[in-house]
């Protein structure tokens, strides 16, 4: 435990590290700081456990970033992926080994928080942070940060980690700038045992009709998580895509238990990751993979780094050392996650123009499927793949050329693609996003969609099954 400067001159307790937000990023940061022996306070505005709009896919990099001894509360293990292009050209690829696991966020997040608590972090729920201050009457000295709660209570810390989500107040304090904002709509659909069995061990990824969009079906026991995502500003079209997607799958007759919408926000290249003694990580920093919008692994990895560097900042005795440690944190993020994001951004740009090419590669080109398989398992990353494999480098360069050319997008998508999402850190979700009636149109056809009998194939590592059109 830190024994130095544990209280201000007036006797008020000073925490070494205060973490705002108890999602995967915040819990990881709290754990990392607590295992280093620091006095850590983890703040969460909701009561735990709580629902979060999220597909719940745990890929290899997420699994590798978990605390030692963490047992994943898996709802399913994925061995097969069905790819389709706006409902057409469905094909399933299979793997003998598990590709990735599926979790429910309430259980997963709660377990991460418990690990942080076991490491020594203290948890407070039901509290909302109004602002942080690094100067002024609330701050007793240059080594402290004031965390002001709704209602007026003020907490003091030597370092603060902002992990309070994509609409982060801590991110606003740091000055996080956004280069990409997307709208995700998601349904949790309870299904009968016969339908659940059809989906067991298999997910569906559908390349959608809006530039850069896609949909997914993730099975979790007796519930299917069904969602779509596309650029913000396409709210009505995104909602139609979800409705059509659900109907096409034969799921329109089942009542969703949860219907939700969420904005994902991806940082601009020059967005800051710190300000003084305050760091941001996870969604609060705009850290996610731009193409797939996968965020759990980015949250876990950036949270761990933020916790480790927050300890160093808490120990810093002057502004120069504080700045040095903050720059080191930014360098660590950019050298790892930043490289993956840069590749993902290039992939998204090409995918917006040529989704059919991506579909053809993943379903018919063995090296592309192998790359997908290795990334989801954690054997490599997008950045590592491009850095070490000449074929991947050439393929990405070719995609870059196609993306800036005059290619006509497939699936009838508009040529204009993604608009400029600017720096709208305080944007709100599209009104009516994910309405409950999205899954209620049309009759349920239990045999329709992607559950064809031909998709339970031989289980070959690189095998593919499926017909030309769904």
Protein backbone atom coordinates (compact mmCIF):
# COMPACT_ATOMS: atom_id res chain seq x y z
CA UNK A 1 0.00 0.00 0.00
CA UNK A 2 1.16 3.54 -0.65
CA UNK A 3 2.02 5.20 2.62
CA UNK A 4 3.29 8.50 1.28
CA UNK A 5 0.98 11.55 1.18
CA UNK A 6 -2.11 9.49 1.92
CA UNK A 7 -4.00 12.51 3.20
CA UNK A 8 -4.23 16.19 2.40
CA UNK A 9 -3.28 18.89 4.89
CA UNK A 10 -6.87 19.10 6.11
CA UNK A 11 -6.95 15.36 6.79
CA UNK A 12 -8.95 14.43 3.69
CA UNK A 13 -8.04 11.04 2.25
CA UNK A 14 -6.03 11.11 -0.97
CA UNK A 15 -6.27 8.07 -3.21
CA UNK A 16 -3.30 7.04 -5.29
CA UNK A 17 -5.56 6.27 -8.26
CA UNK A 18 -9.24 6.96 -8.85
CA UNK A 19 -10.76 5.10 -11.81
CA UNK A 20 -14.02 6.42 -13.26
CA UNK A 21 -16.13 3.70 -14.89
CA UNK A 22 -16.28 -0.02 -14.00
CA UNK A 23 -16.51 -1.57 -17.46
CA UNK A 24 -13.70 -3.76 -18.85
CA UNK A 25 -11.32 -0.80 -19.25
CA UNK A 26 -11.95 0.62 -15.79
CA UNK A 27 -11.87 -2.72 -14.02
CA UNK A 28 -8.61 -3.61 -15.79
CA UNK A 29 -7.08 -0.26 -14.82
CA UNK A 30 -8.18 -0.67 -11.19
CA UNK A 31 -6.80 -4.21 -11.08
CA UNK A 32 -3.42 -3.16 -12.54
CA UNK A 33 -3.03 -0.31 -10.08
CA UNK A 34 -4.22 -2.35 -7.10
CA UNK A 35 -1.87 -5.29 -7.72
CA UNK A 36 0.96 -2.74 -7.72
CA UNK A 37 0.03 -1.97 -4.12
CA UNK A 38 -1.65 1.39 -4.71
CA UNK A 39 -4.73 2.71 -2.91
CA UNK A 40 -7.36 2.52 -5.66
CA UNK A 41 -10.97 3.70 -5.79
CA UNK A 42 -13.21 2.47 -8.62
CA UNK A 43 -16.33 4.57 -9.31
CA UNK A 44 -19.39 3.43 -11.27
CA UNK A 45 -22.59 5.41 -11.82
CA UNK A 46 -24.80 2.31 -12.22
CA UNK A 47 -25.47 -0.52 -9.82
CA UNK A 48 -23.73 -3.73 -10.84
CA UNK A 49 -24.37 -5.92 -12.69
CA UNK A 50 -25.86 -3.83 -15.53
CA UNK A 51 -26.65 -4.44 -19.20
CA UNK A 52 -24.42 -3.02 -21.93
CA UNK A 53 -25.12 -3.02 -25.67
CA UNK A 54 -22.37 -5.34 -26.90
CA UNK A 55 -22.08 -8.44 -29.03
CA UNK A 56 -19.97 -10.06 -26.33
CA UNK A 57 -17.32 -11.69 -28.49
CA UNK A 58 -14.10 -12.54 -26.63
CA UNK A 59 -11.28 -12.90 -29.13
CA UNK A 60 -7.73 -14.01 -28.35
CA UNK A 61 -6.33 -10.58 -27.46
CA UNK A 62 -9.16 -10.11 -24.94
CA UNK A 63 -8.52 -13.49 -23.36
CA UNK A 64 -4.77 -12.78 -23.14
CA UNK A 65 -5.37 -9.46 -21.36
CA UNK A 66 -7.48 -10.91 -18.55
CA UNK A 67 -6.17 -11.05 -14.97
CA UNK A 68 -4.45 -14.30 -13.92
CA UNK A 69 -6.94 -16.92 -12.80
CA UNK A 70 -9.88 -15.24 -14.53
CA UNK A 71 -12.40 -17.85 -15.72
CA UNK A 72 -14.47 -16.64 -18.62
CA UNK A 73 -18.24 -17.02 -18.12
CA UNK A 74 -18.69 -18.33 -21.66
CA UNK A 75 -22.20 -18.80 -23.03
CA UNK A 76 -20.95 -20.47 -26.19
CA UNK A 77 -17.74 -21.43 -27.99
CA UNK A 78 -17.57 -20.51 -31.66
CA UNK A 79 -16.20 -23.05 -34.13
CA UNK A 80 -17.97 -21.86 -37.29
CA UNK A 81 -18.70 -18.53 -38.98
CA UNK A 82 -21.36 -18.05 -41.63
CA UNK A 83 -20.65 -15.07 -43.88
CA UNK A 84 -23.32 -13.50 -46.09
CA UNK A 85 -23.53 -10.41 -48.26
CA UNK A 86 -26.78 -8.59 -47.41
CA UNK A 87 -28.50 -11.95 -47.04
CA UNK A 88 -27.01 -13.48 -50.18
CA UNK A 89 -24.11 -15.76 -51.08
CA UNK A 90 -24.12 -17.43 -47.66
CA UNK A 91 -21.13 -19.62 -46.86
CA UNK A 92 -19.87 -21.18 -43.64
CA UNK A 93 -16.22 -21.63 -42.65
CA UNK A 94 -15.31 -24.02 -39.85
CA UNK A 95 -12.45 -24.62 -37.45
CA UNK A 96 -11.56 -27.63 -35.32
CA UNK A 97 -10.29 -25.28 -32.61
CA UNK A 98 -12.40 -22.62 -30.92
CA UNK A 99 -12.25 -19.31 -32.76
CA UNK A 100 -13.58 -17.14 -29.95
CA UNK A 101 -15.99 -17.22 -27.03
CA UNK A 102 -19.26 -15.44 -26.32
CA UNK A 103 -20.18 -13.81 -23.03
CA UNK A 104 -22.94 -11.69 -21.54
CA UNK A 105 -21.55 -8.35 -20.45
CA UNK A 106 -23.28 -8.11 -17.05
CA UNK A 107 -21.61 -11.32 -15.85
CA UNK A 108 -18.28 -10.55 -17.50
CA UNK A 109 -18.02 -7.00 -16.20
CA UNK A 110 -19.06 -8.03 -12.67
CA UNK A 111 -16.38 -10.71 -12.60
CA UNK A 112 -13.70 -8.25 -13.73
CA UNK A 113 -14.72 -5.83 -10.97
CA UNK A 114 -14.55 -8.62 -8.40
CA UNK A 115 -10.99 -9.41 -9.48
CA UNK A 116 -10.07 -5.75 -9.02
CA UNK A 117 -11.62 -5.80 -5.55
CA UNK A 118 -9.74 -8.95 -4.63
CA UNK A 119 -6.54 -7.18 -5.68
CA UNK A 120 -7.36 -4.41 -3.20
CA UNK A 121 -9.40 -1.84 -5.14
CA UNK A 122 -12.38 -0.26 -3.40
CA UNK A 123 -15.67 0.00 -5.33
CA UNK A 124 -18.36 2.67 -5.09
CA UNK A 125 -21.46 2.32 -7.26
CA UNK A 126 -24.37 4.67 -7.84
CA UNK A 127 -22.10 7.73 -8.04
CA UNK A 128 -21.81 10.12 -10.99
CA UNK A 129 -18.71 12.20 -11.63
CA UNK A 130 -19.58 15.77 -12.59
CA UNK A 131 -16.06 16.93 -13.42
CA UNK A 132 -12.38 16.71 -12.56
CA UNK A 133 -10.24 19.68 -11.59
CA UNK A 134 -6.46 19.98 -11.63
CA UNK A 135 -6.32 23.63 -10.55
CA UNK A 136 -8.35 25.82 -8.25
CA UNK A 137 -9.52 25.89 -4.66
CA UNK A 138 -10.59 22.23 -4.63
CA UNK A 139 -7.04 21.09 -5.39
CA UNK A 140 -4.75 21.30 -2.34
CA UNK A 141 -1.42 20.87 -4.17
CA UNK A 142 0.13 20.29 -7.59
CA UNK A 143 0.23 16.52 -7.05
CA UNK A 144 -3.52 16.16 -6.62
CA UNK A 145 -6.60 15.93 -8.82
CA UNK A 146 -10.08 16.73 -7.53
CA UNK A 147 -12.87 14.40 -8.65
CA UNK A 148 -16.15 16.20 -8.06
CA UNK A 149 -19.23 14.02 -7.71
CA UNK A 150 -22.81 14.92 -8.45
CA UNK A 151 -24.11 16.37 -5.19
CA UNK A 152 -20.88 18.20 -4.42
CA UNK A 153 -18.66 15.58 -2.75
CA UNK A 154 -15.02 15.94 -3.75
CA UNK A 155 -12.50 13.11 -3.87
CA UNK A 156 -8.74 13.63 -4.16
CA UNK A 157 -6.32 11.45 -6.11
CA UNK A 158 -2.71 11.48 -7.26
CA UNK A 159 -3.86 10.15 -10.65
CA UNK A 160 -7.20 9.65 -12.37
CA UNK A 161 -8.12 7.15 -15.08
CA UNK A 162 -11.15 7.96 -17.21
CA UNK A 163 -12.91 4.79 -18.37
CA UNK A 164 -16.44 6.17 -18.36
CA UNK A 165 -17.53 5.11 -21.84
CA UNK A 166 -17.96 6.68 -25.23
CA UNK A 167 -19.74 9.79 -23.90
CA UNK A 168 -16.99 10.30 -21.34
CA UNK A 169 -16.88 13.36 -19.11
CA UNK A 170 -13.27 12.58 -18.34
CA UNK A 171 -12.62 12.36 -22.08
CA UNK A 172 -14.13 15.82 -22.48
CA UNK A 173 -11.73 17.11 -19.79
CA UNK A 174 -8.76 15.56 -21.59
CA UNK A 175 -9.98 16.88 -24.96
CA UNK A 176 -10.55 13.59 -26.77
CA UNK A 177 -11.28 14.16 -30.46
CA UNK A 178 -13.29 11.74 -32.56
CA UNK A 179 -12.79 10.76 -36.17
CA UNK A 180 -15.50 8.12 -36.54
CA UNK A 181 -18.89 7.67 -34.89
CA UNK A 182 -21.12 4.67 -35.55
CA UNK A 183 -24.59 3.59 -34.46
CA UNK A 184 -25.10 0.03 -33.22
CA UNK A 185 -28.58 -1.44 -32.71
CA UNK A 186 -28.99 -4.72 -30.87
CA UNK A 187 -31.70 -7.17 -29.78
CA UNK A 188 -31.54 -9.94 -27.22
CA UNK A 189 -33.98 -12.55 -28.57
CA UNK A 190 -34.98 -15.57 -26.44
CA UNK A 191 -35.56 -18.57 -28.71
CA UNK A 192 -36.85 -22.16 -28.28
CA UNK A 193 -34.39 -25.00 -27.74
CA UNK A 194 -34.74 -26.17 -31.35
CA UNK A 195 -33.68 -22.77 -32.71
CA UNK A 196 -30.90 -22.41 -30.13
CA UNK A 197 -29.51 -25.80 -31.15
CA UNK A 198 -29.36 -24.72 -34.81
CA UNK A 199 -27.11 -21.80 -33.86
CA UNK A 200 -24.95 -23.50 -31.23
CA UNK A 201 -21.25 -22.97 -31.90
CA UNK A 202 -21.86 -20.85 -34.99
CA UNK A 203 -22.11 -17.10 -35.56
CA UNK A 204 -23.34 -15.16 -38.57
CA UNK A 205 -21.66 -12.07 -40.02
CA UNK A 206 -23.64 -10.29 -42.74
CA UNK A 207 -22.07 -7.50 -44.78
CA UNK A 208 -24.83 -4.90 -44.90
CA UNK A 209 -26.43 -2.60 -47.50
CA UNK A 210 -25.06 0.65 -46.00
CA UNK A 211 -21.39 1.51 -46.66
CA UNK A 212 -19.28 0.10 -43.83
CA UNK A 213 -22.21 -1.71 -42.19
CA UNK A 214 -22.57 -5.29 -41.05
CA UNK A 215 -24.85 -7.43 -38.92
CA UNK A 216 -24.26 -10.31 -36.56
CA UNK A 217 -25.94 -13.18 -34.76
CA UNK A 218 -24.18 -14.40 -31.62
CA UNK A 219 -25.76 -17.41 -29.85
CA UNK A 220 -25.72 -17.48 -26.05
CA UNK A 221 -27.63 -20.51 -24.90
CA UNK A 222 -31.34 -19.85 -25.12
CA UNK A 223 -30.84 -16.28 -26.39
CA UNK A 224 -29.54 -14.90 -29.67
CA UNK A 225 -27.79 -11.54 -29.68
CA UNK A 226 -28.72 -9.96 -33.03
CA UNK A 227 -27.38 -6.58 -34.07
CA UNK A 228 -26.25 -4.27 -36.83
CA UNK A 229 -23.87 -1.31 -37.00
CA UNK A 230 -23.27 1.49 -39.49
CA UNK A 231 -22.14 5.10 -39.63
CA UNK A 232 -24.01 7.61 -37.51
CA UNK A 233 -26.34 9.71 -39.63
CA UNK A 234 -27.88 6.60 -41.19
CA UNK A 235 -30.28 5.96 -38.31
CA UNK A 236 -33.42 5.20 -40.34
CA UNK A 237 -31.53 3.00 -42.79
CA UNK A 238 -29.77 1.19 -39.94
CA UNK A 239 -33.10 0.47 -38.27
CA UNK A 240 -34.52 -0.86 -41.56
CA UNK A 241 -31.45 -3.04 -41.96
CA UNK A 242 -32.02 -4.55 -38.51
CA UNK A 243 -35.71 -5.18 -39.24
CA UNK A 244 -34.94 -6.80 -42.58
CA UNK A 245 -32.09 -8.80 -41.07
CA UNK A 246 -34.27 -10.22 -38.28
CA UNK A 247 -37.10 -11.07 -40.69
CA UNK A 248 -34.74 -12.71 -43.16
CA UNK A 249 -33.36 -14.93 -40.40
CA UNK A 250 -36.85 -16.18 -39.52
CA UNK A 251 -36.69 -14.54 -36.09
CA UNK A 252 -39.37 -11.87 -36.52
CA UNK A 253 -41.94 -13.85 -34.56
CA UNK A 254 -39.87 -13.91 -31.37
CA UNK A 255 -40.22 -11.08 -28.85
CA UNK A 256 -36.88 -9.45 -27.90
CA UNK A 257 -36.23 -9.28 -24.17
CA UNK A 258 -33.94 -6.27 -24.66
CA UNK A 259 -33.77 -3.71 -27.47
CA UNK A 260 -30.99 -1.14 -27.32
CA UNK A 261 -28.92 1.35 -29.28
CA UNK A 262 -25.42 2.65 -28.70
CA UNK A 263 -22.94 5.02 -30.34
CA UNK A 264 -19.37 3.81 -30.75
CA UNK A 265 -16.72 6.50 -31.10
CA UNK A 266 -13.25 6.08 -32.58
CA UNK A 267 -10.49 8.58 -31.80
CA UNK A 268 -8.90 10.90 -34.33
CA UNK A 269 -5.22 10.29 -34.96
CA UNK A 270 -4.17 13.42 -33.05
CA UNK A 271 -6.54 12.92 -30.12
CA UNK A 272 -4.85 13.24 -26.70
CA UNK A 273 -4.71 10.36 -24.24
CA UNK A 274 -3.88 12.42 -21.16
CA UNK A 275 -4.02 15.83 -19.56
CA UNK A 276 -1.85 16.45 -16.55
CA UNK A 277 -2.47 13.63 -14.08
CA UNK A 278 -5.55 12.33 -15.91
CA UNK A 279 -5.42 9.44 -18.40
CA UNK A 280 -8.19 8.02 -20.58
CA UNK A 281 -8.58 4.48 -21.88
CA UNK A 282 -11.09 2.22 -23.63
CA UNK A 283 -14.19 3.84 -25.12
CA UNK A 284 -13.47 7.03 -23.19
CA UNK A 285 -10.31 7.43 -25.26
CA UNK A 286 -12.02 6.35 -28.50
CA UNK A 287 -9.97 3.16 -28.62
CA UNK A 288 -11.56 0.44 -30.74
CA UNK A 289 -10.91 -1.33 -34.02
CA UNK A 290 -12.44 0.91 -36.73
CA UNK A 291 -13.52 -1.78 -39.19
CA UNK A 292 -15.20 -4.33 -36.91
CA UNK A 293 -15.74 -1.81 -34.06
CA UNK A 294 -14.45 -4.48 -31.68
CA UNK A 295 -13.83 -2.79 -28.36
CA UNK A 296 -13.50 -5.32 -25.55
CA UNK A 297 -9.90 -6.25 -26.30
CA UNK A 298 -8.99 -2.57 -26.71
CA UNK A 299 -10.66 -1.79 -23.39
CA UNK A 300 -8.87 -4.56 -21.52
CA UNK A 301 -5.46 -3.81 -23.00
CA UNK A 302 -5.64 -0.02 -22.74
CA UNK A 303 -7.12 -0.29 -19.24
CA UNK A 304 -4.23 -2.39 -18.05
CA UNK A 305 -1.72 0.09 -19.51
CA UNK A 306 -3.60 3.03 -18.01
CA UNK A 307 -3.56 1.40 -14.58
CA UNK A 308 0.16 0.71 -14.79
CA UNK A 309 1.03 4.24 -15.89
CA UNK A 310 -1.38 5.82 -13.42
CA UNK A 311 0.76 4.25 -10.70
CA UNK A 312 3.83 5.98 -12.15
CA UNK A 313 1.99 9.29 -12.41
CA UNK A 314 0.80 8.95 -8.81
CA UNK A 315 4.45 8.64 -7.79
CA UNK A 316 5.60 11.62 -9.88
CA UNK A 317 6.74 14.59 -7.78
CA UNK A 318 6.63 17.34 -10.38
CA UNK A 319 5.03 18.33 -13.67
CA UNK A 320 8.04 17.24 -15.73
CA UNK A 321 7.95 13.67 -14.42
CA UNK A 322 4.16 13.60 -14.74
CA UNK A 323 4.40 14.67 -18.36
CA UNK A 324 7.11 12.09 -19.05
CA UNK A 325 4.97 9.24 -17.71
CA UNK A 326 1.90 10.44 -19.60
CA UNK A 327 3.89 10.53 -22.83
CA UNK A 328 5.16 7.02 -22.13
CA UNK A 329 1.55 5.86 -21.73
CA UNK A 330 0.60 7.48 -25.04
CA UNK A 331 3.57 5.86 -26.74
CA UNK A 332 2.62 2.42 -25.39
CA UNK A 333 -0.94 2.83 -26.68
CA UNK A 334 0.10 4.10 -30.11
CA UNK A 335 2.82 1.49 -30.58
CA UNK A 336 0.38 -1.36 -30.03
CA UNK A 337 -3.30 -0.51 -30.30
CA UNK A 338 -2.61 2.51 -32.50
CA UNK A 339 -1.00 0.34 -35.16
CA UNK A 340 -3.99 -2.02 -35.14
CA UNK A 341 -6.36 0.94 -35.43
CA UNK A 342 -4.44 2.37 -38.39
CA UNK A 343 -4.73 -0.92 -40.26
CA UNK A 344 -8.38 -1.23 -39.27
CA UNK A 345 -9.10 2.24 -40.62
CA UNK A 346 -7.59 1.29 -43.97
CA UNK A 347 -9.65 -1.91 -43.96
CA UNK A 348 -12.84 0.05 -43.26
CA UNK A 349 -12.17 2.51 -46.08
CA UNK A 350 -11.76 -0.34 -48.54
CA UNK A 351 -14.70 -2.29 -47.09
CA UNK A 352 -17.02 0.69 -47.53
CA UNK A 353 -16.25 0.64 -51.25
CA UNK A 354 -15.80 -3.08 -51.91
CA UNK A 355 -17.70 -5.26 -49.40
CA UNK A 356 -18.17 -7.97 -52.00
CA UNK A 357 -14.41 -8.34 -52.31
CA UNK A 358 -14.08 -8.92 -48.56
CA UNK A 359 -16.88 -11.49 -48.69
CA UNK A 360 -15.26 -13.33 -51.61
CA UNK A 361 -11.89 -13.37 -49.87
CA UNK A 362 -13.13 -14.68 -46.53
CA UNK A 363 -15.32 -17.36 -48.08
CA UNK A 364 -13.13 -18.44 -50.99
CA UNK A 365 -9.50 -17.49 -50.36
CA UNK A 366 -7.78 -19.71 -47.81
CA UNK A 367 -5.10 -17.21 -46.65
CA UNK A 368 -7.83 -14.64 -45.85
CA UNK A 369 -9.76 -17.16 -43.76
CA UNK A 370 -6.52 -18.22 -42.04
CA UNK A 371 -5.79 -14.57 -41.16
CA UNK A 372 -9.31 -14.16 -39.74
CA UNK A 373 -8.92 -17.37 -37.76
CA UNK A 374 -5.49 -16.44 -36.39
CA UNK A 375 -6.62 -12.94 -35.36
CA UNK A 376 -9.71 -14.16 -33.53
CA UNK A 377 -7.70 -16.81 -31.70
CA UNK A 378 -5.02 -14.32 -30.72
CA UNK A 379 -2.19 -15.94 -32.68
CA UNK A 380 -1.59 -12.57 -34.37
CA UNK A 381 -3.11 -9.11 -34.73
CA UNK A 382 -4.00 -6.93 -37.71
CA UNK A 383 -0.90 -4.84 -37.14
CA UNK A 384 1.41 -7.81 -36.67
CA UNK A 385 -0.04 -9.55 -39.71
CA UNK A 386 0.66 -6.60 -41.98
CA UNK A 387 4.10 -6.04 -40.47
CA UNK A 388 5.35 -9.63 -40.83
CA UNK A 389 3.55 -11.03 -43.88
CA UNK A 390 4.50 -9.63 -47.32
CA UNK A 391 1.29 -11.04 -48.84
CA UNK A 392 -0.79 -9.13 -46.28
CA UNK A 393 1.18 -5.96 -46.98
CA UNK A 394 0.56 -6.28 -50.72
CA UNK A 395 -3.12 -7.06 -50.20
CA UNK A 396 -3.61 -4.00 -47.99
CA UNK A 397 -1.81 -1.78 -50.48
CA UNK A 398 -4.06 -3.09 -53.23
CA UNK A 399 -7.14 -2.40 -51.08
CA UNK A 400 -5.89 1.15 -50.52
CA UNK A 401 -5.70 1.71 -54.26
CA UNK A 402 -9.19 0.33 -54.81
CA UNK A 403 -10.54 2.44 -51.97
CA UNK A 404 -9.35 5.72 -53.50
CA UNK A 405 -10.32 4.72 -57.03
CA UNK A 406 -13.65 4.93 -58.78
CA UNK A 407 -14.83 1.45 -57.90
CA UNK A 408 -18.59 1.04 -57.60
CA UNK A 409 -19.68 -0.33 -54.21
CA UNK A 410 -21.43 -3.65 -54.08
CA UNK A 411 -24.78 -4.32 -52.46
CA UNK A 412 -26.25 -1.13 -53.93
CA UNK A 413 -24.46 0.98 -51.31
CA UNK A 414 -24.18 4.70 -51.90
CA UNK A 415 -20.85 5.88 -53.34
CA UNK A 416 -20.60 8.67 -50.80
CA UNK A 417 -19.86 6.27 -47.94
CA UNK A 418 -19.13 7.57 -44.46
CA UNK A 419 -19.63 11.23 -43.68
CA UNK A 420 -17.44 13.42 -41.53
CA UNK A 421 -18.31 12.59 -37.96
CA UNK A 422 -16.24 15.43 -36.56
CA UNK A 423 -15.59 15.69 -32.85
CA UNK A 424 -19.08 15.22 -31.46
CA UNK A 425 -18.08 13.74 -28.14
CA UNK A 426 -21.48 14.50 -26.68
CA UNK A 427 -23.57 13.09 -29.51
CA UNK A 428 -26.76 11.21 -28.65
CA UNK A 429 -28.15 7.98 -30.01
CA UNK A 430 -30.68 8.18 -32.82
CA UNK A 431 -34.18 8.56 -31.42
CA UNK A 432 -36.04 5.30 -31.43
CA UNK A 433 -32.88 3.25 -31.99
CA UNK A 434 -33.49 -0.44 -31.65
CA UNK A 435 -37.25 -0.15 -31.12
CA UNK A 436 -38.81 -3.26 -29.65
CA UNK A 437 -40.97 -3.75 -32.71
CA UNK A 438 -37.88 -4.30 -34.86
CA UNK A 439 -38.24 -8.06 -34.52
CA UNK A 440 -42.02 -8.33 -34.79
CA UNK A 441 -42.74 -7.94 -38.51
CA UNK A 442 -43.66 -10.93 -40.66
CA UNK A 443 -44.26 -14.56 -39.85
CA UNK A 444 -41.48 -16.62 -38.29
CA UNK A 445 -40.07 -19.17 -40.68
CA UNK A 446 -38.08 -21.55 -38.50
CA UNK A 447 -36.41 -23.10 -41.51
CA UNK A 448 -35.54 -19.87 -43.32
CA UNK A 449 -32.45 -17.69 -43.31
CA UNK A 450 -29.07 -19.01 -42.32
CA UNK A 451 -30.04 -22.24 -40.57
CA UNK A 452 -29.84 -24.55 -43.56
CA UNK A 453 -29.09 -28.21 -42.97
CA UNK A 454 -26.08 -27.94 -45.24
CA UNK A 455 -24.23 -25.80 -42.71
CA UNK A 456 -23.39 -28.65 -40.34
CA UNK A 457 -20.50 -29.87 -42.46
CA UNK A 458 -17.45 -32.00 -41.94
CA UNK A 459 -15.65 -29.68 -39.52
CA UNK A 460 -12.53 -29.31 -41.64
CA UNK A 461 -10.19 -26.57 -40.44
CA UNK A 462 -10.42 -24.69 -43.72
CA UNK A 463 -13.64 -26.20 -44.98
CA UNK A 464 -16.55 -24.18 -46.34
CA UNK A 465 -20.17 -25.10 -46.94
CA UNK A 466 -23.15 -23.23 -48.28
CA UNK A 467 -24.96 -22.37 -51.47
CA UNK A 468 -24.89 -19.42 -53.83
CA UNK A 469 -27.84 -17.51 -52.41
CA UNK A 470 -29.73 -17.63 -49.14
